[in-house]
């Protein structure tokens, strides 16, 4: 079973979207576009807080 992790190779800021993409076999660019869309729709704050919390609690890639 794959575990959710921060990507060490496909990261732009912290590697959260790259790690989600690698774990679920989805293109990380699509994950990033989804995050940007959700930021625009929710006026940034909830998604930004969620992203920062994920960056802090997700383990780094082994």
Protein backbone atom coordinates (compact mmCIF):
# COMPACT_ATOMS: atom_id res chain seq x y z
CA UNK A 1 0.00 0.00 0.00
CA UNK A 2 1.34 3.41 -0.95
CA UNK A 3 1.69 5.98 1.81
CA UNK A 4 1.08 9.69 1.42
CA UNK A 5 4.36 11.62 1.48
CA UNK A 6 5.98 14.88 0.41
CA UNK A 7 7.62 14.55 -2.99
CA UNK A 8 11.35 15.10 -3.08
CA UNK A 9 11.57 15.19 -6.88
CA UNK A 10 8.33 16.86 -8.04
CA UNK A 11 7.86 19.87 -5.81
CA UNK A 12 7.23 23.53 -6.39
CA UNK A 13 6.86 24.79 -2.81
CA UNK A 14 6.78 21.97 -0.23
CA UNK A 15 5.99 18.94 -2.40
CA UNK A 16 2.44 18.40 -1.12
CA UNK A 17 0.74 18.32 -4.55
CA UNK A 18 3.57 16.25 -6.04
CA UNK A 19 3.27 13.73 -3.22
CA UNK A 20 -0.50 13.47 -3.63
CA UNK A 21 -0.04 12.96 -7.36
CA UNK A 22 2.59 10.26 -6.88
CA UNK A 23 0.57 8.44 -4.23
CA UNK A 24 -2.68 8.32 -6.20
CA UNK A 25 -1.12 8.00 -9.70
CA UNK A 26 -2.52 11.35 -10.84
CA UNK A 27 -0.61 13.99 -12.77
CA UNK A 28 0.69 16.45 -10.12
CA UNK A 29 -0.14 19.33 -12.47
CA UNK A 30 -3.83 18.40 -12.25
CA UNK A 31 -3.55 18.34 -8.46
CA UNK A 32 -1.95 21.79 -8.52
CA UNK A 33 -4.65 23.16 -10.85
CA UNK A 34 -7.33 21.78 -8.55
CA UNK A 35 -5.72 23.45 -5.55
CA UNK A 36 -5.50 26.78 -7.38
CA UNK A 37 -9.15 26.50 -8.44
CA UNK A 38 -10.22 25.72 -4.86
CA UNK A 39 -8.17 28.69 -3.61
CA UNK A 40 -10.00 31.02 -5.97
CA UNK A 41 -13.41 29.60 -5.08
CA UNK A 42 -12.88 29.61 -1.30
CA UNK A 43 -11.06 32.96 -1.14
CA UNK A 44 -7.64 31.37 -0.45
CA UNK A 45 -7.59 31.08 3.36
CA UNK A 46 -9.04 27.57 3.96
CA UNK A 47 -6.95 25.92 1.24
CA UNK A 48 -3.80 27.81 2.25
CA UNK A 49 -4.20 26.66 5.86
CA UNK A 50 -4.88 23.08 4.74
CA UNK A 51 -1.81 23.12 2.48
CA UNK A 52 0.46 24.41 5.25
CA UNK A 53 -0.85 21.85 7.75
CA UNK A 54 -0.31 19.08 5.18
CA UNK A 55 3.25 20.30 4.56
CA UNK A 56 3.95 20.12 8.29
CA UNK A 57 2.43 16.70 9.04
CA UNK A 58 3.15 14.71 5.86
CA UNK A 59 6.35 12.63 6.08
CA UNK A 60 9.12 13.21 3.57
CA UNK A 61 9.67 10.69 0.78
CA UNK A 62 11.89 7.82 1.88
